[in-house]
């Protein structure tokens, strides 16, 4: 059974940092593209970032480029999102998703950026 479990969310002040993790199980993690997607309160889903399975090429939404860094540890079957210089508009539930088709999602972790 595929499982994705996000953690690391919380309340942080503007300008602060958080590191999200996504623990994966039930599939060969190293073989799949992995993504982060977020949903702000009352808004739709927004793709944030993705990382390839092989050489680890990364891509980012313009809204987070230069502030967020996606990475993965295939030995630990874990995906990460380092978030720096956080802004109130980054407040959202953050989800990790498996594969190009994003066929499996975790339940999400809430990030609140507020003073």
Protein backbone atom coordinates (compact mmCIF):
# COMPACT_ATOMS: atom_id res chain seq x y z
CA UNK A 1 0.00 0.00 0.00
CA UNK A 2 1.38 3.38 -1.02
CA UNK A 3 1.69 5.78 1.88
CA UNK A 4 2.93 9.37 1.98
CA UNK A 5 3.15 11.08 5.36
CA UNK A 6 4.05 14.76 5.56
CA UNK A 7 5.46 16.41 8.67
CA UNK A 8 7.25 19.56 9.76
CA UNK A 9 4.51 22.13 9.41
CA UNK A 10 3.69 24.71 12.04
CA UNK A 11 3.46 28.38 12.88
CA UNK A 12 6.35 30.58 11.81
CA UNK A 13 6.89 34.33 11.64
CA UNK A 14 7.37 36.09 8.30
CA UNK A 15 10.97 35.74 7.21
CA UNK A 16 11.37 32.48 9.06
CA UNK A 17 12.15 28.98 7.84
CA UNK A 18 10.65 25.52 8.00
CA UNK A 19 11.66 22.14 6.64
CA UNK A 20 8.93 19.81 5.54
CA UNK A 21 9.41 16.06 5.20
CA UNK A 22 7.42 13.43 3.36
CA UNK A 23 8.03 9.82 4.36
CA UNK A 24 7.16 7.40 1.58
CA UNK A 25 6.43 3.67 1.69
CA UNK A 26 4.79 0.97 -0.40
CA UNK A 27 6.59 1.73 -3.66
CA UNK A 28 10.10 2.12 -5.06
CA UNK A 29 10.60 5.73 -4.01
CA UNK A 30 13.83 6.21 -5.97
CA UNK A 31 12.07 5.43 -9.26
CA UNK A 32 9.51 8.23 -9.14
CA UNK A 33 9.30 11.95 -9.64
CA UNK A 34 8.03 13.53 -6.45
CA UNK A 35 6.24 16.83 -6.03
CA UNK A 36 5.03 19.31 -3.44
CA UNK A 37 1.64 20.94 -3.92
CA UNK A 38 -0.07 23.42 -1.60
CA UNK A 39 -3.55 24.73 -0.96
CA UNK A 40 -4.04 28.06 0.73
CA UNK A 41 -7.19 28.65 2.78
CA UNK A 42 -10.16 29.12 0.48
CA UNK A 43 -8.06 28.71 -2.68
CA UNK A 44 -7.28 26.01 -5.20
CA UNK A 45 -4.30 23.71 -5.47
CA UNK A 46 -0.96 25.23 -6.46
CA UNK A 47 1.98 23.15 -7.66
CA UNK A 48 5.10 24.20 -5.74
CA UNK A 49 8.05 22.07 -6.79
CA UNK A 50 9.15 18.74 -8.23
CA UNK A 51 12.28 16.62 -8.28
CA UNK A 52 13.23 13.94 -10.79
CA UNK A 53 13.92 10.35 -9.87
CA UNK A 54 17.31 10.09 -11.49
CA UNK A 55 19.80 12.91 -11.39
CA UNK A 56 17.50 14.90 -9.16
CA UNK A 57 16.71 17.77 -11.48
CA UNK A 58 14.39 20.23 -9.80
CA UNK A 59 11.73 22.73 -10.82
CA UNK A 60 9.86 25.41 -8.91
CA UNK A 61 6.85 27.66 -9.20
CA UNK A 62 7.81 31.28 -9.74
CA UNK A 63 6.16 32.16 -6.43
CA UNK A 64 8.73 30.14 -4.45
CA UNK A 65 11.80 30.16 -6.69
CA UNK A 66 14.89 31.29 -4.80
CA UNK A 67 13.25 30.72 -1.41
CA UNK A 68 12.32 27.01 -1.39
CA UNK A 69 14.56 24.01 -2.06
CA UNK A 70 13.28 20.53 -2.80
CA UNK A 71 15.47 17.51 -2.14
CA UNK A 72 15.21 13.78 -1.59
CA UNK A 73 17.03 11.04 0.28
CA UNK A 74 16.42 7.82 -1.61
CA UNK A 75 18.14 5.78 1.10
CA UNK A 76 15.53 7.00 3.58
CA UNK A 77 12.58 7.13 1.13
CA UNK A 78 12.02 10.71 2.17
CA UNK A 79 11.24 13.91 0.29
CA UNK A 80 12.03 17.33 1.74
CA UNK A 81 11.07 20.95 1.19
CA UNK A 82 13.29 23.58 2.79
CA UNK A 83 11.34 26.82 2.97
CA UNK A 84 13.17 30.06 3.71
CA UNK A 85 12.13 33.71 3.77
CA UNK A 86 8.56 32.65 4.37
CA UNK A 87 5.75 35.06 3.59
CA UNK A 88 2.15 35.20 4.84
CA UNK A 89 1.03 34.14 1.37
CA UNK A 90 2.91 30.85 1.85
CA UNK A 91 0.30 29.87 4.44
CA UNK A 92 -1.24 26.64 3.17
CA UNK A 93 -1.59 22.93 3.62
CA UNK A 94 1.40 21.33 1.89
CA UNK A 95 1.05 17.94 0.24
CA UNK A 96 3.57 15.61 -1.29
CA UNK A 97 2.54 13.63 -4.35
CA UNK A 98 3.96 10.61 -6.17
CA UNK A 99 4.81 10.40 -9.84
CA UNK A 100 4.22 12.52 -12.93
CA UNK A 101 0.50 11.80 -12.63
CA UNK A 102 0.45 12.57 -8.89
CA UNK A 103 -1.59 9.42 -8.38
CA UNK A 104 -1.04 9.31 -4.63
CA UNK A 105 -1.07 12.16 -2.13
CA UNK A 106 -0.38 12.46 1.55
CA UNK A 107 -2.83 14.05 3.98
CA UNK A 108 -0.82 17.24 4.16
CA UNK A 109 0.84 19.38 6.80
CA UNK A 110 -0.28 22.91 7.67
CA UNK A 111 2.14 25.81 7.42
CA UNK A 112 1.01 29.11 8.91
CA UNK A 113 3.12 32.22 8.37
CA UNK A 114 1.98 34.96 10.68
CA UNK A 115 3.31 37.44 13.21
